[in-house]
N, C-alpha and C. Protein backbone atom coordinates (compact mmCIF):
# COMPACT_ATOMS: atom_id res chain seq x y z
N MET A 1 16.33 -8.71 -72.58
CA MET A 1 17.20 -7.82 -71.83
C MET A 1 18.65 -8.19 -72.11
N SER A 2 19.55 -7.26 -71.92
CA SER A 2 20.95 -7.52 -72.19
C SER A 2 21.68 -8.00 -70.95
N ASP A 3 20.99 -8.10 -69.85
CA ASP A 3 21.58 -8.56 -68.59
C ASP A 3 21.91 -10.03 -68.69
N ASP A 4 23.10 -10.42 -68.23
CA ASP A 4 23.53 -11.82 -68.32
C ASP A 4 22.75 -12.71 -67.37
N SER A 5 22.14 -12.15 -66.35
CA SER A 5 21.44 -12.97 -65.37
C SER A 5 19.99 -13.25 -65.79
N SER A 6 19.57 -12.70 -66.94
CA SER A 6 18.19 -12.95 -67.36
C SER A 6 18.07 -14.37 -67.90
N PRO A 7 16.92 -14.97 -67.67
CA PRO A 7 16.76 -16.36 -68.12
C PRO A 7 16.69 -16.44 -69.64
N ASN A 8 17.11 -17.53 -70.16
CA ASN A 8 17.07 -17.77 -71.60
C ASN A 8 15.96 -18.77 -71.89
N ILE A 9 15.26 -18.54 -72.97
CA ILE A 9 14.21 -19.46 -73.38
C ILE A 9 14.61 -20.00 -74.75
N ASN A 10 14.74 -21.28 -74.83
CA ASN A 10 15.07 -21.93 -76.10
C ASN A 10 13.87 -22.76 -76.52
N ILE A 11 13.37 -22.48 -77.68
CA ILE A 11 12.24 -23.24 -78.21
C ILE A 11 12.75 -24.06 -79.37
N THR A 12 12.59 -25.34 -79.25
CA THR A 12 13.04 -26.23 -80.33
C THR A 12 11.85 -27.04 -80.80
N ARG A 13 11.90 -27.37 -82.02
CA ARG A 13 10.84 -28.22 -82.57
C ARG A 13 11.42 -29.61 -82.74
N GLY A 14 10.79 -30.50 -82.12
CA GLY A 14 11.27 -31.87 -82.22
C GLY A 14 10.20 -32.75 -82.87
N SER A 15 10.55 -33.99 -83.10
CA SER A 15 9.58 -34.91 -83.69
C SER A 15 8.98 -35.74 -82.58
N ARG A 16 7.73 -35.96 -82.68
CA ARG A 16 7.05 -36.81 -81.70
C ARG A 16 7.15 -38.25 -82.20
N SER A 17 7.50 -39.08 -81.29
CA SER A 17 7.58 -40.48 -81.71
C SER A 17 6.22 -41.13 -81.49
N ARG A 18 5.76 -41.74 -82.50
CA ARG A 18 4.47 -42.41 -82.43
C ARG A 18 4.69 -43.91 -82.58
N ARG A 19 4.05 -44.58 -81.67
CA ARG A 19 4.16 -46.03 -81.76
C ARG A 19 3.11 -46.55 -82.72
N ARG A 20 3.54 -47.37 -83.56
CA ARG A 20 2.61 -47.98 -84.51
C ARG A 20 2.65 -49.49 -84.36
N LYS A 21 1.52 -50.01 -84.47
CA LYS A 21 1.45 -51.48 -84.44
C LYS A 21 1.69 -52.00 -85.84
N SER A 22 2.58 -52.88 -85.89
CA SER A 22 2.92 -53.46 -87.20
C SER A 22 2.15 -54.76 -87.37
N SER A 23 1.75 -54.95 -88.56
CA SER A 23 1.10 -56.22 -88.86
C SER A 23 2.16 -57.20 -89.32
N ALA A 24 1.78 -58.27 -89.67
CA ALA A 24 2.70 -59.32 -90.08
C ALA A 24 3.47 -58.91 -91.32
N ASN A 25 2.90 -58.10 -92.16
CA ASN A 25 3.61 -57.72 -93.37
C ASN A 25 4.42 -56.45 -93.19
N GLY A 26 4.43 -55.89 -91.96
CA GLY A 26 5.27 -54.73 -91.67
C GLY A 26 4.56 -53.42 -91.89
N SER A 27 3.28 -53.43 -92.24
CA SER A 27 2.58 -52.18 -92.45
C SER A 27 1.58 -51.99 -91.35
N SER A 28 1.20 -50.73 -91.10
CA SER A 28 0.18 -50.43 -90.09
C SER A 28 -1.17 -50.62 -90.73
N LYS A 29 -1.89 -51.53 -90.22
CA LYS A 29 -3.22 -51.79 -90.73
C LYS A 29 -4.17 -51.72 -89.57
N SER A 30 -5.32 -51.28 -89.82
CA SER A 30 -6.35 -51.16 -88.80
C SER A 30 -7.21 -52.39 -88.77
N SER A 31 -7.69 -52.67 -87.59
CA SER A 31 -8.60 -53.79 -87.48
C SER A 31 -10.03 -53.32 -87.56
N SER A 32 -10.21 -52.01 -87.73
CA SER A 32 -11.58 -51.50 -87.87
C SER A 32 -11.97 -51.49 -89.33
N SER A 33 -13.12 -51.00 -89.57
CA SER A 33 -13.63 -51.05 -90.92
C SER A 33 -12.96 -50.04 -91.83
N SER A 34 -12.39 -48.95 -91.28
CA SER A 34 -11.76 -47.94 -92.13
C SER A 34 -10.33 -48.28 -92.46
N GLY A 35 -9.77 -49.17 -91.79
CA GLY A 35 -8.42 -49.59 -92.11
C GLY A 35 -7.37 -48.93 -91.23
N THR A 36 -7.69 -48.12 -90.23
CA THR A 36 -6.71 -47.50 -89.33
C THR A 36 -6.98 -47.98 -87.93
N SER A 37 -5.90 -48.14 -87.19
CA SER A 37 -6.09 -48.57 -85.81
C SER A 37 -5.77 -47.40 -84.89
N VAL A 38 -6.54 -47.21 -83.85
CA VAL A 38 -6.35 -46.12 -82.89
C VAL A 38 -6.08 -46.75 -81.54
N ASN A 39 -4.93 -46.39 -81.00
CA ASN A 39 -4.61 -46.87 -79.67
C ASN A 39 -4.98 -45.76 -78.70
N PHE A 40 -6.08 -45.90 -78.00
CA PHE A 40 -6.59 -44.85 -77.11
C PHE A 40 -5.65 -44.59 -75.95
N SER A 41 -4.91 -45.54 -75.54
CA SER A 41 -3.94 -45.36 -74.47
C SER A 41 -2.85 -44.37 -74.90
N ASP A 42 -2.39 -44.52 -76.15
CA ASP A 42 -1.38 -43.60 -76.66
C ASP A 42 -1.93 -42.19 -76.82
N VAL A 43 -3.16 -42.09 -77.27
CA VAL A 43 -3.80 -40.78 -77.45
C VAL A 43 -3.95 -40.10 -76.09
N ALA A 44 -4.39 -40.82 -75.09
CA ALA A 44 -4.57 -40.26 -73.75
C ALA A 44 -3.22 -39.83 -73.17
N THR A 45 -2.21 -40.65 -73.38
CA THR A 45 -0.88 -40.32 -72.87
C THR A 45 -0.35 -39.07 -73.57
N ALA A 46 -0.53 -38.97 -74.87
CA ALA A 46 -0.08 -37.80 -75.62
C ALA A 46 -0.84 -36.56 -75.18
N ALA A 47 -2.13 -36.69 -74.96
CA ALA A 47 -2.94 -35.55 -74.51
C ALA A 47 -2.50 -35.11 -73.13
N ALA A 48 -2.29 -36.05 -72.23
CA ALA A 48 -1.84 -35.71 -70.87
C ALA A 48 -0.47 -35.05 -70.91
N THR A 49 0.40 -35.58 -71.77
CA THR A 49 1.73 -34.99 -71.91
C THR A 49 1.62 -33.56 -72.45
N GLY A 50 0.76 -33.35 -73.44
CA GLY A 50 0.57 -32.02 -74.02
C GLY A 50 0.02 -31.03 -72.99
N VAL A 51 -0.96 -31.48 -72.21
CA VAL A 51 -1.54 -30.62 -71.18
C VAL A 51 -0.49 -30.29 -70.12
N ARG A 52 0.27 -31.30 -69.70
CA ARG A 52 1.32 -31.07 -68.69
C ARG A 52 2.37 -30.10 -69.24
N ASN A 53 2.76 -30.29 -70.50
CA ASN A 53 3.75 -29.38 -71.09
C ASN A 53 3.21 -27.96 -71.18
N ALA A 54 1.94 -27.81 -71.52
CA ALA A 54 1.32 -26.48 -71.57
C ALA A 54 1.32 -25.86 -70.17
N TRP A 55 0.97 -26.66 -69.18
CA TRP A 55 0.99 -26.19 -67.78
C TRP A 55 2.40 -25.74 -67.39
N LEU A 56 3.41 -26.56 -67.70
CA LEU A 56 4.78 -26.21 -67.36
C LEU A 56 5.26 -24.97 -68.13
N ALA A 57 4.83 -24.84 -69.38
CA ALA A 57 5.18 -23.65 -70.15
C ALA A 57 4.58 -22.40 -69.51
N GLY A 58 3.33 -22.52 -69.04
CA GLY A 58 2.69 -21.40 -68.34
C GLY A 58 3.43 -21.05 -67.07
N LEU A 59 3.83 -22.06 -66.31
CA LEU A 59 4.61 -21.81 -65.09
C LEU A 59 5.96 -21.18 -65.42
N GLY A 60 6.58 -21.65 -66.49
CA GLY A 60 7.86 -21.07 -66.92
C GLY A 60 7.68 -19.61 -67.32
N ALA A 61 6.61 -19.31 -68.03
CA ALA A 61 6.34 -17.93 -68.45
C ALA A 61 6.10 -17.06 -67.21
N LEU A 62 5.36 -17.58 -66.24
CA LEU A 62 5.11 -16.85 -65.01
C LEU A 62 6.41 -16.61 -64.25
N SER A 63 7.25 -17.63 -64.16
CA SER A 63 8.54 -17.51 -63.48
C SER A 63 9.41 -16.48 -64.19
N TYR A 64 9.45 -16.53 -65.50
CA TYR A 64 10.24 -15.58 -66.27
C TYR A 64 9.71 -14.16 -66.07
N ALA A 65 8.40 -13.98 -66.12
CA ALA A 65 7.80 -12.66 -65.91
C ALA A 65 8.11 -12.14 -64.51
N GLU A 66 8.08 -13.03 -63.53
CA GLU A 66 8.40 -12.62 -62.16
C GLU A 66 9.86 -12.18 -62.06
N THR A 67 10.76 -12.91 -62.66
CA THR A 67 12.18 -12.57 -62.63
C THR A 67 12.42 -11.25 -63.34
N VAL A 68 11.85 -11.11 -64.51
CA VAL A 68 12.04 -9.89 -65.29
C VAL A 68 11.43 -8.70 -64.57
N SER A 69 10.23 -8.88 -64.00
CA SER A 69 9.59 -7.75 -63.32
C SER A 69 10.40 -7.34 -62.10
N ALA A 70 10.99 -8.28 -61.39
CA ALA A 70 11.84 -7.94 -60.24
C ALA A 70 13.07 -7.17 -60.71
N GLN A 71 13.65 -7.59 -61.84
CA GLN A 71 14.82 -6.90 -62.37
C GLN A 71 14.44 -5.49 -62.82
N VAL A 72 13.29 -5.37 -63.47
CA VAL A 72 12.83 -4.04 -63.93
C VAL A 72 12.57 -3.16 -62.72
N PHE A 73 11.93 -3.71 -61.69
CA PHE A 73 11.64 -2.94 -60.48
C PHE A 73 12.95 -2.45 -59.85
N ASP A 74 13.92 -3.34 -59.70
CA ASP A 74 15.20 -2.95 -59.11
C ASP A 74 15.88 -1.88 -59.95
N SER A 75 15.80 -2.03 -61.26
CA SER A 75 16.39 -1.05 -62.17
C SER A 75 15.70 0.31 -62.00
N LEU A 76 14.38 0.31 -61.87
CA LEU A 76 13.64 1.57 -61.68
C LEU A 76 13.97 2.21 -60.33
N VAL A 77 14.16 1.40 -59.31
CA VAL A 77 14.55 1.93 -57.99
C VAL A 77 15.91 2.63 -58.11
N GLN A 78 16.87 1.98 -58.76
CA GLN A 78 18.19 2.58 -58.93
C GLN A 78 18.09 3.88 -59.74
N GLU A 79 17.30 3.86 -60.80
CA GLU A 79 17.12 5.06 -61.62
C GLU A 79 16.50 6.18 -60.79
N GLY A 80 15.53 5.84 -59.94
CA GLY A 80 14.90 6.83 -59.07
C GLY A 80 15.90 7.44 -58.10
N LYS A 81 16.75 6.61 -57.53
CA LYS A 81 17.77 7.11 -56.60
C LYS A 81 18.72 8.06 -57.32
N THR A 82 19.15 7.67 -58.51
CA THR A 82 20.05 8.51 -59.30
C THR A 82 19.39 9.84 -59.64
N TRP A 83 18.12 9.77 -60.06
CA TRP A 83 17.39 10.98 -60.43
C TRP A 83 17.24 11.90 -59.23
N GLU A 84 16.87 11.32 -58.08
CA GLU A 84 16.68 12.13 -56.87
C GLU A 84 18.00 12.80 -56.47
N ARG A 85 19.09 12.07 -56.49
CA ARG A 85 20.40 12.62 -56.13
C ARG A 85 20.78 13.75 -57.10
N SER A 86 20.54 13.54 -58.38
CA SER A 86 20.85 14.55 -59.39
C SER A 86 20.03 15.82 -59.16
N ARG A 87 18.74 15.66 -58.88
CA ARG A 87 17.88 16.82 -58.66
C ARG A 87 18.30 17.56 -57.39
N ARG A 88 18.66 16.83 -56.34
CA ARG A 88 19.08 17.46 -55.10
C ARG A 88 20.37 18.26 -55.33
N GLU A 89 21.32 17.67 -56.08
CA GLU A 89 22.58 18.37 -56.37
C GLU A 89 22.32 19.62 -57.20
N THR A 90 21.42 19.51 -58.17
CA THR A 90 21.08 20.67 -59.00
C THR A 90 20.44 21.75 -58.15
N GLN A 91 19.53 21.36 -57.28
CA GLN A 91 18.85 22.32 -56.41
C GLN A 91 19.84 23.02 -55.48
N GLU A 92 20.76 22.27 -54.92
CA GLU A 92 21.77 22.86 -54.04
C GLU A 92 22.68 23.81 -54.81
N ALA A 93 23.03 23.44 -56.04
CA ALA A 93 23.89 24.30 -56.86
C ALA A 93 23.16 25.61 -57.18
N VAL A 94 21.88 25.52 -57.49
CA VAL A 94 21.10 26.73 -57.78
C VAL A 94 21.00 27.60 -56.54
N LYS A 95 20.80 26.97 -55.38
CA LYS A 95 20.71 27.73 -54.12
C LYS A 95 22.03 28.45 -53.84
N ARG A 96 23.15 27.74 -54.05
CA ARG A 96 24.45 28.38 -53.84
C ARG A 96 24.63 29.57 -54.78
N LYS A 97 24.23 29.40 -56.03
CA LYS A 97 24.37 30.48 -57.02
C LYS A 97 23.50 31.68 -56.63
N VAL A 98 22.27 31.41 -56.18
CA VAL A 98 21.38 32.50 -55.76
C VAL A 98 21.97 33.23 -54.56
N ASP A 99 22.49 32.48 -53.58
CA ASP A 99 23.12 33.11 -52.42
C ASP A 99 24.32 33.96 -52.84
N GLU A 100 25.11 33.43 -53.76
CA GLU A 100 26.27 34.16 -54.24
C GLU A 100 25.84 35.45 -54.95
N LEU A 101 24.81 35.37 -55.77
CA LEU A 101 24.31 36.55 -56.48
C LEU A 101 23.72 37.57 -55.49
N ARG A 102 23.01 37.07 -54.46
CA ARG A 102 22.43 37.95 -53.46
C ARG A 102 23.54 38.70 -52.72
N ARG A 103 24.58 37.96 -52.30
CA ARG A 103 25.70 38.61 -51.61
C ARG A 103 26.38 39.64 -52.52
N GLY A 104 26.56 39.27 -53.78
CA GLY A 104 27.16 40.21 -54.73
C GLY A 104 26.28 41.45 -54.91
N GLY A 105 24.97 41.25 -54.93
CA GLY A 105 24.05 42.38 -55.06
C GLY A 105 24.09 43.28 -53.85
N GLU A 106 24.16 42.68 -52.65
CA GLU A 106 24.25 43.47 -51.43
C GLU A 106 25.54 44.28 -51.41
N GLN A 107 26.65 43.66 -51.81
CA GLN A 107 27.93 44.37 -51.84
C GLN A 107 27.89 45.49 -52.87
N ALA A 108 27.28 45.24 -54.01
CA ALA A 108 27.18 46.27 -55.04
C ALA A 108 26.32 47.44 -54.55
N ALA A 109 25.22 47.12 -53.84
CA ALA A 109 24.36 48.18 -53.32
C ALA A 109 25.09 49.02 -52.27
N GLU A 110 25.82 48.34 -51.38
CA GLU A 110 26.59 49.07 -50.36
C GLU A 110 27.65 49.94 -51.01
N SER A 111 28.32 49.41 -52.01
CA SER A 111 29.35 50.17 -52.72
C SER A 111 28.73 51.38 -53.42
N ALA A 112 27.58 51.19 -54.04
CA ALA A 112 26.92 52.29 -54.73
C ALA A 112 26.48 53.37 -53.73
N GLN A 113 25.94 52.94 -52.58
CA GLN A 113 25.54 53.92 -51.55
C GLN A 113 26.73 54.72 -51.06
N GLU A 114 27.84 54.03 -50.82
CA GLU A 114 29.04 54.71 -50.35
C GLU A 114 29.55 55.70 -51.39
N GLN A 115 29.52 55.28 -52.64
CA GLN A 115 29.99 56.17 -53.72
C GLN A 115 29.09 57.40 -53.83
N VAL A 116 27.76 57.18 -53.72
CA VAL A 116 26.83 58.32 -53.78
C VAL A 116 27.08 59.26 -52.61
N ARG A 117 27.26 58.70 -51.39
CA ARG A 117 27.54 59.53 -50.21
C ARG A 117 28.80 60.37 -50.42
N ASP A 118 29.84 59.71 -50.92
CA ASP A 118 31.10 60.43 -51.14
C ASP A 118 30.93 61.54 -52.17
N GLU A 119 30.25 61.24 -53.25
CA GLU A 119 30.08 62.25 -54.31
C GLU A 119 29.20 63.40 -53.84
N VAL A 120 28.13 63.09 -53.10
CA VAL A 120 27.27 64.16 -52.59
C VAL A 120 28.06 65.00 -51.58
N GLY A 121 28.82 64.31 -50.73
CA GLY A 121 29.63 65.04 -49.75
C GLY A 121 30.64 65.95 -50.44
N ASP A 122 31.28 65.46 -51.47
CA ASP A 122 32.25 66.28 -52.22
C ASP A 122 31.55 67.47 -52.87
N ALA A 123 30.37 67.24 -53.44
CA ALA A 123 29.64 68.33 -54.09
C ALA A 123 29.22 69.38 -53.06
N LEU A 124 28.73 68.96 -51.91
CA LEU A 124 28.34 69.91 -50.86
C LEU A 124 29.55 70.66 -50.34
N ASN A 125 30.67 69.97 -50.23
CA ASN A 125 31.90 70.62 -49.76
C ASN A 125 32.37 71.68 -50.76
N ARG A 126 32.28 71.39 -52.04
CA ARG A 126 32.67 72.36 -53.08
C ARG A 126 31.77 73.59 -53.04
N MET A 127 30.51 73.40 -52.63
CA MET A 127 29.58 74.53 -52.55
C MET A 127 29.71 75.28 -51.23
N GLY A 128 30.55 74.77 -50.35
CA GLY A 128 30.78 75.44 -49.08
C GLY A 128 29.84 74.99 -47.98
N VAL A 129 29.07 73.97 -48.20
CA VAL A 129 28.18 73.45 -47.17
C VAL A 129 29.01 72.60 -46.23
N PRO A 130 28.90 72.89 -44.93
CA PRO A 130 29.72 72.13 -43.98
C PRO A 130 29.24 70.68 -43.85
N THR A 131 30.17 69.84 -43.48
CA THR A 131 29.84 68.43 -43.29
C THR A 131 29.17 68.25 -41.93
N GLN A 132 28.66 67.06 -41.67
CA GLN A 132 28.00 66.78 -40.41
C GLN A 132 28.98 66.93 -39.25
N THR A 133 30.20 66.49 -39.45
CA THR A 133 31.22 66.61 -38.41
C THR A 133 31.52 68.08 -38.12
N GLU A 134 31.63 68.87 -39.18
CA GLU A 134 31.88 70.30 -39.01
C GLU A 134 30.71 70.96 -38.29
N MET A 135 29.50 70.55 -38.61
CA MET A 135 28.31 71.11 -37.94
C MET A 135 28.30 70.74 -36.46
N GLU A 136 28.66 69.54 -36.13
CA GLU A 136 28.71 69.12 -34.73
C GLU A 136 29.78 69.92 -33.98
N THR A 137 30.93 70.15 -34.63
CA THR A 137 31.98 70.96 -34.02
C THR A 137 31.48 72.37 -33.77
N LEU A 138 30.78 72.96 -34.76
CA LEU A 138 30.23 74.32 -34.61
C LEU A 138 29.19 74.36 -33.48
N ARG A 139 28.35 73.36 -33.38
CA ARG A 139 27.35 73.32 -32.31
C ARG A 139 28.04 73.30 -30.95
N SER A 140 29.07 72.48 -30.87
CA SER A 140 29.81 72.39 -29.61
C SER A 140 30.43 73.74 -29.25
N GLN A 141 30.99 74.41 -30.26
CA GLN A 141 31.60 75.73 -30.03
C GLN A 141 30.55 76.75 -29.63
N VAL A 142 29.38 76.69 -30.28
CA VAL A 142 28.29 77.63 -29.95
C VAL A 142 27.82 77.36 -28.52
N ASP A 143 27.69 76.10 -28.15
CA ASP A 143 27.27 75.78 -26.78
C ASP A 143 28.29 76.31 -25.77
N ASP A 144 29.58 76.13 -26.07
CA ASP A 144 30.63 76.66 -25.19
C ASP A 144 30.53 78.19 -25.08
N LEU A 145 30.32 78.85 -26.23
CA LEU A 145 30.19 80.32 -26.22
C LEU A 145 28.96 80.75 -25.42
N ASN A 146 27.86 80.04 -25.56
CA ASN A 146 26.65 80.38 -24.79
C ASN A 146 26.92 80.25 -23.30
N ASP A 147 27.63 79.19 -22.93
CA ASP A 147 27.97 79.02 -21.51
C ASP A 147 28.82 80.20 -21.02
N LYS A 148 29.81 80.60 -21.81
CA LYS A 148 30.68 81.71 -21.44
C LYS A 148 29.86 83.00 -21.34
N ILE A 149 28.95 83.23 -22.29
CA ILE A 149 28.11 84.44 -22.27
C ILE A 149 27.24 84.44 -21.02
N ASP A 150 26.68 83.27 -20.72
CA ASP A 150 25.83 83.19 -19.51
C ASP A 150 26.65 83.50 -18.26
N ARG A 151 27.86 82.99 -18.17
CA ARG A 151 28.72 83.25 -17.01
C ARG A 151 29.11 84.73 -16.95
N LEU A 152 29.44 85.30 -18.11
CA LEU A 152 29.79 86.72 -18.15
C LEU A 152 28.59 87.60 -17.78
N THR A 153 27.43 87.21 -18.28
CA THR A 153 26.21 87.98 -17.97
C THR A 153 25.96 87.95 -16.47
N LYS A 154 26.09 86.80 -15.86
CA LYS A 154 25.87 86.68 -14.42
C LYS A 154 26.93 87.48 -13.66
N ALA A 155 28.14 87.41 -14.15
CA ALA A 155 29.22 88.15 -13.48
C ALA A 155 28.97 89.65 -13.59
N LEU A 156 28.53 90.14 -14.74
CA LEU A 156 28.24 91.56 -14.92
C LEU A 156 27.06 91.97 -14.05
N GLU A 157 26.09 91.16 -13.98
CA GLU A 157 24.91 91.47 -13.15
C GLU A 157 25.31 91.53 -11.69
N GLU A 158 26.13 90.61 -11.26
CA GLU A 158 26.57 90.61 -9.87
C GLU A 158 27.45 91.83 -9.58
N LYS A 159 28.27 92.20 -10.55
CA LYS A 159 29.14 93.37 -10.38
C LYS A 159 28.28 94.64 -10.32
N GLN A 160 27.28 94.72 -11.17
CA GLN A 160 26.42 95.89 -11.18
C GLN A 160 25.62 95.96 -9.90
N LYS A 161 25.17 94.87 -9.37
CA LYS A 161 24.45 94.86 -8.11
C LYS A 161 25.40 95.27 -6.99
N ALA A 162 26.64 94.88 -7.08
CA ALA A 162 27.61 95.25 -6.06
C ALA A 162 27.93 96.74 -6.17
N ASP A 163 28.01 97.28 -7.37
CA ASP A 163 28.29 98.70 -7.58
C ASP A 163 27.09 99.54 -7.13
N ASP A 164 25.92 99.07 -7.34
CA ASP A 164 24.70 99.79 -6.95
C ASP A 164 24.52 99.72 -5.45
N ALA A 165 25.00 98.85 -4.83
CA ALA A 165 24.81 98.72 -3.40
C ALA A 165 25.82 99.41 -2.60
């Protein structure tokens, strides 16, 4: 990883120091029949050291894996938060755009309806068809005339009854 807080592992190859028993002439000679001497204490110590080092290397690998996995987990959590925020912002932007388009569509529909009403009204007016307001005015005038006719009719009937009597 490129993170500065990640652990570093340095593997070096070193030389193992082996103790040798020197004979009087300065050479390693065995007291056995093959001519080599084996110090079992040194072999056991080296084996124990090797096993302990392997154990510690395993623990180090486990510790490193734990550290790295925690860092990866934290990184994934941050990425998830960023992704969620981005998706929410995108969703809100789309919702705003849809609302804006809907409002624009409603305004366009209202404008088109008004324009159609005006054009139909103009066409009917050119053909001599009265408007709704003119029709209501005519109805009112007809109602007033009917009332006057009814009053005149009653007055004439009363006058004729008075003349006949």
